[in-house]
């Protein structure tokens, strides 16, 4: 095949790969995956061991595949494409590598998008009034050095429906804290107290999202 016939084919192939890469990168850059993780609360799902990273890993492999295809195409067609064309392709590959690093560095750390997704989930699923009624009748155990947790055999349907990892007594506000997460992800969850409870504000370490009177969501602020 002559050089003149190869040029349009090579250019068309390169454009297709770059467009595919761009579409995948946008998904991560806008942190749509993180938002979906929050809506489904799959970040620490025990039935999905790689929950917090699975979708990122899949997209990441696809992005790396696009870069690999571009590199192999560059090497295979080095003598077919003009010098300026090879220079352009080298620049594009470098930009793709930089975009890959930037997208995951920015997207994976976006706890705010996860929080927005989780907020949507809680607004649709959490029966705050039922949780408040239940917690108001709890007999709090004697004070100890650690925050006591409520045994799961005492959880009502309004709590089990949310499947928290732990539920803690909050004696100071006469309420409970439903907690998820841990490890490098950090803890996040739902606090329900009396309706007149003063809600805390977001700080350098904690992201606070008011849910309704006497209830709020908390996340690590990163």
C-alpha atoms as a PDB file:
ATOM      1  CA  UNK A   1       0.000   0.000   0.000  1.00  0.00           C
ATOM      2  CA  UNK A   2       1.391   3.369  -0.955  1.00  0.00           C
ATOM      3  CA  UNK A   3       2.079   6.211   1.390  1.00  0.00           C
ATOM      4  CA  UNK A   4      -0.708   8.326  -0.117  1.00  0.00           C
ATOM      5  CA  UNK A   5      -3.249   5.560   0.434  1.00  0.00           C
ATOM      6  CA  UNK A   6      -2.097   4.927   3.972  1.00  0.00           C
ATOM      7  CA  UNK A   7      -2.348   8.509   5.192  1.00  0.00           C
ATOM      8  CA  UNK A   8      -6.181   8.801   5.366  1.00  0.00           C
ATOM      9  CA  UNK A   9      -6.432   5.358   6.974  1.00  0.00           C
ATOM     10  CA  UNK A  10      -3.837   6.216   9.617  1.00  0.00           C
ATOM     11  CA  UNK A  11      -5.370   9.608  10.333  1.00  0.00           C
ATOM     12  CA  UNK A  12      -8.861   8.148  10.592  1.00  0.00           C
ATOM     13  CA  UNK A  13      -7.655   5.435  12.967  1.00  0.00           C
ATOM     14  CA  UNK A  14      -5.816   7.954  15.123  1.00  0.00           C
ATOM     15  CA  UNK A  15      -8.849  10.219  15.320  1.00  0.00           C
ATOM     16  CA  UNK A  16     -11.074   7.304  16.356  1.00  0.00           C
ATOM     17  CA  UNK A  17      -8.713   6.268  19.140  1.00  0.00           C
ATOM     18  CA  UNK A  18      -8.321   9.832  20.418  1.00  0.00           C
ATOM     19  CA  UNK A  19     -12.089  10.383  20.433  1.00  0.00           C
ATOM     20  CA  UNK A  20     -12.654   7.125  22.311  1.00  0.00           C
ATOM     21  CA  UNK A  21      -9.985   8.128  24.826  1.00  0.00           C
ATOM     22  CA  UNK A  22     -11.518  11.590  25.229  1.00  0.00           C
ATOM     23  CA  UNK A  23     -14.997  10.187  25.884  1.00  0.00           C
ATOM     24  CA  UNK A  24     -13.696   7.792  28.547  1.00  0.00           C
ATOM     25  CA  UNK A  25     -11.554  10.495  30.159  1.00  0.00           C
ATOM     26  CA  UNK A  26     -14.534  12.844  30.382  1.00  0.00           C
ATOM     27  CA  UNK A  27     -16.446  10.191  32.338  1.00  0.00           C
ATOM     28  CA  UNK A  28     -13.698  10.146  34.945  1.00  0.00           C
ATOM     29  CA  UNK A  29     -12.937  13.858  34.780  1.00  0.00           C
ATOM     30  CA  UNK A  30     -16.524  14.801  35.557  1.00  0.00           C
ATOM     31  CA  UNK A  31     -16.495  12.104  38.210  1.00  0.00           C
ATOM     32  CA  UNK A  32     -19.647  10.446  36.966  1.00  0.00           C
ATOM     33  CA  UNK A  33     -18.343   7.137  38.271  1.00  0.00           C
ATOM     34  CA  UNK A  34     -17.924   8.593  41.749  1.00  0.00           C
ATOM     35  CA  UNK A  35     -21.463   9.980  41.679  1.00  0.00           C
ATOM     36  CA  UNK A  36     -22.896   6.598  40.662  1.00  0.00           C
ATOM     37  CA  UNK A  37     -20.890   4.970  43.479  1.00  0.00           C
ATOM     38  CA  UNK A  38     -22.571   7.342  45.918  1.00  0.00           C
ATOM     39  CA  UNK A  39     -26.073   6.748  44.541  1.00  0.00           C
ATOM     40  CA  UNK A  40     -25.627   2.973  44.798  1.00  0.00           C
ATOM     41  CA  UNK A  41     -23.425   3.146  47.920  1.00  0.00           C
ATOM     42  CA  UNK A  42     -21.135   0.549  46.375  1.00  0.00           C
ATOM     43  CA  UNK A  43     -17.935   2.100  47.685  1.00  0.00           C
ATOM     44  CA  UNK A  44     -17.450  -0.507  50.426  1.00  0.00           C
ATOM     45  CA  UNK A  45     -19.952  -3.189  49.423  1.00  0.00           C
ATOM     46  CA  UNK A  46     -18.815  -6.500  50.963  1.00  0.00           C
ATOM     47  CA  UNK A  47     -20.223  -8.434  48.007  1.00  0.00           C
ATOM     48  CA  UNK A  48     -18.051  -6.418  45.643  1.00  0.00           C
ATOM     49  CA  UNK A  49     -14.510  -6.460  47.125  1.00  0.00           C
ATOM     50  CA  UNK A  50     -13.176  -3.997  44.566  1.00  0.00           C
ATOM     51  CA  UNK A  51     -16.239  -1.757  44.824  1.00  0.00           C
ATOM     52  CA  UNK A  52     -14.411   1.548  45.225  1.00  0.00           C
ATOM     53  CA  UNK A  53     -12.002   0.836  42.373  1.00  0.00           C
ATOM     54  CA  UNK A  54     -13.726  -1.586  40.018  1.00  0.00           C
ATOM     55  CA  UNK A  55     -15.278   0.925  37.625  1.00  0.00           C
ATOM     56  CA  UNK A  56     -12.189   3.106  37.759  1.00  0.00           C
ATOM     57  CA  UNK A  57     -10.037   0.054  36.988  1.00  0.00           C
ATOM     58  CA  UNK A  58     -12.161  -0.908  33.982  1.00  0.00           C
ATOM     59  CA  UNK A  59     -12.135   2.594  32.532  1.00  0.00           C
ATOM     60  CA  UNK A  60      -8.458   2.932  33.374  1.00  0.00           C
ATOM     61  CA  UNK A  61      -7.604  -0.226  31.445  1.00  0.00           C
ATOM     62  CA  UNK A  62      -9.583   1.040  28.462  1.00  0.00           C
ATOM     63  CA  UNK A  63      -7.753   4.366  28.591  1.00  0.00           C
ATOM     64  CA  UNK A  64      -4.389   2.627  28.803  1.00  0.00           C
ATOM     65  CA  UNK A  65      -5.426   0.407  25.899  1.00  0.00           C
ATOM     66  CA  UNK A  66      -6.074   3.514  23.791  1.00  0.00           C
ATOM     67  CA  UNK A  67      -2.622   4.828  24.646  1.00  0.00           C
ATOM     68  CA  UNK A  68      -1.032   1.456  23.875  1.00  0.00           C
ATOM     69  CA  UNK A  69      -2.779   1.268  20.493  1.00  0.00           C
ATOM     70  CA  UNK A  70      -1.545   4.765  19.643  1.00  0.00           C
ATOM     71  CA  UNK A  71       2.026   3.855  20.613  1.00  0.00           C
ATOM     72  CA  UNK A  72       1.970   0.611  18.597  1.00  0.00           C
ATOM     73  CA  UNK A  73       0.489   2.450  15.617  1.00  0.00           C
ATOM     74  CA  UNK A  74       3.207   5.073  15.861  1.00  0.00           C
ATOM     75  CA  UNK A  75       5.963   2.458  15.888  1.00  0.00           C
ATOM     76  CA  UNK A  76       4.391   0.339  13.144  1.00  0.00           C
ATOM     77  CA  UNK A  77       3.743   3.260  10.801  1.00  0.00           C
ATOM     78  CA  UNK A  78       6.801   5.362  11.637  1.00  0.00           C
ATOM     79  CA  UNK A  79       8.182   5.122   8.103  1.00  0.00           C
ATOM     80  CA  UNK A  80       4.820   5.610   6.421  1.00  0.00           C
ATOM     81  CA  UNK A  81       3.728   8.818   8.182  1.00  0.00           C
ATOM     82  CA  UNK A  82       5.626  12.061   7.424  1.00  0.00           C
ATOM     83  CA  UNK A  83       8.003  13.426  10.053  1.00  0.00           C
ATOM     84  CA  UNK A  84       5.574  16.166  11.064  1.00  0.00           C
ATOM     85  CA  UNK A  85       2.836  13.558  11.438  1.00  0.00           C
ATOM     86  CA  UNK A  86       4.969  11.435  13.753  1.00  0.00           C
ATOM     87  CA  UNK A  87       5.811  14.536  15.804  1.00  0.00           C
ATOM     88  CA  UNK A  88       2.115  15.360  16.148  1.00  0.00           C
ATOM     89  CA  UNK A  89       1.322  11.807  17.193  1.00  0.00           C
ATOM     90  CA  UNK A  90       4.091  11.866  19.806  1.00  0.00           C
ATOM     91  CA  UNK A  91       2.644  15.069  21.256  1.00  0.00           C
ATOM     92  CA  UNK A  92      -0.851  13.548  21.270  1.00  0.00           C
ATOM     93  CA  UNK A  93       0.396  10.446  23.094  1.00  0.00           C
ATOM     94  CA  UNK A  94       2.130  12.606  25.714  1.00  0.00           C
ATOM     95  CA  UNK A  95      -1.080  14.608  26.171  1.00  0.00           C
ATOM     96  CA  UNK A  96      -3.059  11.384  26.531  1.00  0.00           C
ATOM     97  CA  UNK A  97      -0.675  10.168  29.243  1.00  0.00           C
ATOM     98  CA  UNK A  98      -0.936  13.504  31.057  1.00  0.00           C
ATOM     99  CA  UNK A  99      -4.745  13.434  30.749  1.00  0.00           C
ATOM    100  CA  UNK A 100      -4.853   9.908  32.136  1.00  0.00           C
ATOM    101  CA  UNK A 101      -2.870  10.927  35.215  1.00  0.00           C
ATOM    102  CA  UNK A 102      -4.806  14.175  35.684  1.00  0.00           C
ATOM    103  CA  UNK A 103      -8.240  12.597  35.262  1.00  0.00           C
ATOM    104  CA  UNK A 104      -7.634   9.946  37.891  1.00  0.00           C
ATOM    105  CA  UNK A 105      -5.812  12.236  40.285  1.00  0.00           C
ATOM    106  CA  UNK A 106      -8.670  14.733  40.143  1.00  0.00           C
ATOM    107  CA  UNK A 107     -11.583  12.347  39.718  1.00  0.00           C
ATOM    108  CA  UNK A 108     -10.733   9.660  42.255  1.00  0.00           C
ATOM    109  CA  UNK A 109     -10.334  12.216  45.041  1.00  0.00           C
ATOM    110  CA  UNK A 110     -13.701  13.835  44.409  1.00  0.00           C
ATOM    111  CA  UNK A 111     -15.535  12.968  47.604  1.00  0.00           C
ATOM    112  CA  UNK A 112     -17.985  15.802  46.873  1.00  0.00           C
ATOM    113  CA  UNK A 113     -19.424  13.916  43.887  1.00  0.00           C
ATOM    114  CA  UNK A 114     -19.729  10.738  45.945  1.00  0.00           C
ATOM    115  CA  UNK A 115     -21.417  12.810  48.643  1.00  0.00           C
ATOM    116  CA  UNK A 116     -23.934  14.212  46.145  1.00  0.00           C
ATOM    117  CA  UNK A 117     -24.779  10.715  44.965  1.00  0.00           C
ATOM    118  CA  UNK A 118     -25.077   9.412  48.524  1.00  0.00           C
ATOM    119  CA  UNK A 119     -27.257  12.389  49.457  1.00  0.00           C
ATOM    120  CA  UNK A 120     -29.636  11.498  46.632  1.00  0.00           C
ATOM    121  CA  UNK A 121     -29.725   7.920  47.894  1.00  0.00           C
ATOM    122  CA  UNK A 122     -30.491   8.934  51.482  1.00  0.00           C
ATOM    123  CA  UNK A 123     -33.201  11.401  50.453  1.00  0.00           C
ATOM    124  CA  UNK A 124     -34.925   8.601  48.611  1.00  0.00           C
ATOM    125  CA  UNK A 125     -34.394   5.789  51.133  1.00  0.00           C
ATOM    126  CA  UNK A 126     -33.846   7.149  54.658  1.00  0.00           C
ATOM    127  CA  UNK A 127     -36.943   7.441  56.849  1.00  0.00           C
ATOM    128  CA  UNK A 128     -35.492  10.015  59.220  1.00  0.00           C
ATOM    129  CA  UNK A 129     -38.628  10.307  61.354  1.00  0.00           C
ATOM    130  CA  UNK A 130     -38.802   6.537  61.890  1.00  0.00           C
ATOM    131  CA  UNK A 131     -35.119   6.427  62.833  1.00  0.00           C
ATOM    132  CA  UNK A 132     -35.637   9.337  65.237  1.00  0.00           C
ATOM    133  CA  UNK A 133     -38.640   7.671  66.883  1.00  0.00           C
ATOM    134  CA  UNK A 134     -36.686   4.443  67.334  1.00  0.00           C
ATOM    135  CA  UNK A 135     -33.537   6.104  68.657  1.00  0.00           C
ATOM    136  CA  UNK A 136     -35.462   8.206  71.177  1.00  0.00           C
ATOM    137  CA  UNK A 137     -36.495   5.006  72.932  1.00  0.00           C
ATOM    138  CA  UNK A 138     -33.044   3.438  73.092  1.00  0.00           C
ATOM    139  CA  UNK A 139     -31.576   2.700  76.496  1.00  0.00           C
ATOM    140  CA  UNK A 140     -28.011   4.001  76.253  1.00  0.00           C
ATOM    141  CA  UNK A 141     -25.424   1.792  78.004  1.00  0.00           C
ATOM    142  CA  UNK A 142     -23.171   3.232  80.719  1.00  0.00           C
ATOM    143  CA  UNK A 143     -20.491   5.642  79.540  1.00  0.00           C
ATOM    144  CA  UNK A 144     -17.234   4.058  78.376  1.00  0.00           C
ATOM    145  CA  UNK A 145     -13.971   5.122  76.760  1.00  0.00           C
ATOM    146  CA  UNK A 146     -15.331   4.354  73.284  1.00  0.00           C
ATOM    147  CA  UNK A 147     -18.579   5.313  71.568  1.00  0.00           C
ATOM    148  CA  UNK A 148     -20.900   2.323  72.094  1.00  0.00           C
ATOM    149  CA  UNK A 149     -22.520   0.746  69.063  1.00  0.00           C
ATOM    150  CA  UNK A 150     -26.091  -0.496  68.823  1.00  0.00           C
ATOM    151  CA  UNK A 151     -26.180  -4.301  68.270  1.00  0.00           C
ATOM    152  CA  UNK A 152     -27.556  -5.126  64.836  1.00  0.00           C
ATOM    153  CA  UNK A 153     -30.219  -7.380  66.373  1.00  0.00           C
ATOM    154  CA  UNK A 154     -31.798  -4.197  67.751  1.00  0.00           C
ATOM    155  CA  UNK A 155     -31.938  -2.394  64.425  1.00  0.00           C
ATOM    156  CA  UNK A 156     -35.456  -1.715  63.113  1.00  0.00           C
ATOM    157  CA  UNK A 157     -36.470  -2.089  59.474  1.00  0.00           C
ATOM    158  CA  UNK A 158     -35.871   1.627  58.798  1.00  0.00           C
ATOM    159  CA  UNK A 159     -32.210   1.077  59.698  1.00  0.00           C
ATOM    160  CA  UNK A 160     -31.588  -2.375  58.207  1.00  0.00           C
ATOM    161  CA  UNK A 161     -33.014  -1.110  54.890  1.00  0.00           C
ATOM    162  CA  UNK A 162     -30.022   1.238  54.685  1.00  0.00           C
ATOM    163  CA  UNK A 163     -27.532  -1.559  55.543  1.00  0.00           C
ATOM    164  CA  UNK A 164     -25.047   0.511  57.589  1.00  0.00           C
ATOM    165  CA  UNK A 165     -21.818  -1.072  58.780  1.00  0.00           C
ATOM    166  CA  UNK A 166     -22.288   0.237  62.303  1.00  0.00           C
ATOM    167  CA  UNK A 167     -24.875   2.199  64.274  1.00  0.00           C
ATOM    168  CA  UNK A 168     -23.636   4.242  67.221  1.00  0.00           C
ATOM    169  CA  UNK A 169     -25.412   5.839  70.165  1.00  0.00           C
ATOM    170  CA  UNK A 170     -24.953   9.596  70.320  1.00  0.00           C
ATOM    171  CA  UNK A 171     -25.760  10.496  73.904  1.00  0.00           C
ATOM    172  CA  UNK A 172     -24.929  14.183  73.476  1.00  0.00           C
ATOM    173  CA  UNK A 173     -27.716  14.748  70.950  1.00  0.00           C
ATOM    174  CA  UNK A 174     -29.956  11.836  71.977  1.00  0.00           C
ATOM    175  CA  UNK A 175     -29.710  10.236  68.581  1.00  0.00           C
ATOM    176  CA  UNK A 176     -27.801   7.740  66.478  1.00  0.00           C
ATOM    177  CA  UNK A 177     -25.113   7.703  63.820  1.00  0.00           C
ATOM    178  CA  UNK A 178     -25.316   5.271  60.903  1.00  0.00           C
ATOM    179  CA  UNK A 179     -21.782   4.706  59.695  1.00  0.00           C
ATOM    180  CA  UNK A 180     -20.184   3.315  56.523  1.00  0.00           C
ATOM    181  CA  UNK A 181     -16.675   3.248  55.137  1.00  0.00           C
ATOM    182  CA  UNK A 182     -13.263   2.992  56.737  1.00  0.00           C
ATOM    183  CA  UNK A 183      -9.660   2.517  55.686  1.00  0.00           C
ATOM    184  CA  UNK A 184      -8.334   4.869  53.020  1.00  0.00           C
ATOM    185  CA  UNK A 185     -11.903   5.762  51.980  1.00  0.00           C
ATOM    186  CA  UNK A 186     -12.726   7.276  55.352  1.00  0.00           C
ATOM    187  CA  UNK A 187     -15.976   7.103  57.329  1.00  0.00           C
ATOM    188  CA  UNK A 188     -19.206   8.647  56.102  1.00  0.00           C
ATOM    189  CA  UNK A 189     -22.833   8.311  57.090  1.00  0.00           C
ATOM    190  CA  UNK A 190     -26.037   9.700  58.546  1.00  0.00           C
ATOM    191  CA  UNK A 191     -26.628  11.362  61.918  1.00  0.00           C
ATOM    192  CA  UNK A 192     -30.185  11.634  63.233  1.00  0.00           C
ATOM    193  CA  UNK A 193     -31.031  13.559  66.388  1.00  0.00           C
ATOM    194  CA  UNK A 194     -33.836  15.720  67.750  1.00  0.00           C
ATOM    195  CA  UNK A 195     -35.460  18.105  65.273  1.00  0.00           C
ATOM    196  CA  UNK A 196     -34.175  21.127  67.208  1.00  0.00           C
ATOM    197  CA  UNK A 197     -30.583  19.854  67.048  1.00  0.00           C
ATOM    198  CA  UNK A 198     -28.101  22.456  65.789  1.00  0.00           C
ATOM    199  CA  UNK A 199     -26.418  21.048  62.704  1.00  0.00           C
ATOM    200  CA  UNK A 200     -22.628  21.307  62.475  1.00  0.00           C
ATOM    201  CA  UNK A 201     -20.855  23.108  59.643  1.00  0.00           C
ATOM    202  CA  UNK A 202     -18.331  21.823  57.139  1.00  0.00           C
ATOM    203  CA  UNK A 203     -14.761  22.007  58.432  1.00  0.00           C
ATOM    204  CA  UNK A 204     -11.306  21.283  57.054  1.00  0.00           C
ATOM    205  CA  UNK A 205     -11.710  17.617  58.028  1.00  0.00           C
ATOM    206  CA  UNK A 206     -15.466  17.001  57.690  1.00  0.00           C
ATOM    207  CA  UNK A 207     -17.915  17.680  54.876  1.00  0.00           C
ATOM    208  CA  UNK A 208     -21.433  18.219  56.276  1.00  0.00           C
ATOM    209  CA  UNK A 209     -24.602  18.052  54.167  1.00  0.00           C
ATOM    210  CA  UNK A 210     -27.897  18.891  55.948  1.00  0.00           C
ATOM    211  CA  UNK A 211     -30.591  16.357  55.113  1.00  0.00           C
ATOM    212  CA  UNK A 212     -33.529  17.805  57.045  1.00  0.00           C
ATOM    213  CA  UNK A 213     -34.270  19.193  60.505  1.00  0.00           C
ATOM    214  CA  UNK A 214     -32.219  17.218  63.027  1.00  0.00           C
ATOM    215  CA  UNK A 215     -30.417  15.094  60.429  1.00  0.00           C
ATOM    216  CA  UNK A 216     -27.268  15.466  58.350  1.00  0.00           C
ATOM    217  CA  UNK A 217     -24.758  13.495  56.312  1.00  0.00           C
ATOM    218  CA  UNK A 218     -21.043  13.579  57.015  1.00  0.00           C
ATOM    219  CA  UNK A 219     -18.024  12.706  54.873  1.00  0.00           C
ATOM    220  CA  UNK A 220     -14.248  13.131  55.074  1.00  0.00           C
ATOM    221  CA  UNK A 221     -13.433  16.514  53.538  1.00  0.00           C
ATOM    222  CA  UNK A 222     -10.558  15.945  51.045  1.00  0.00           C
END
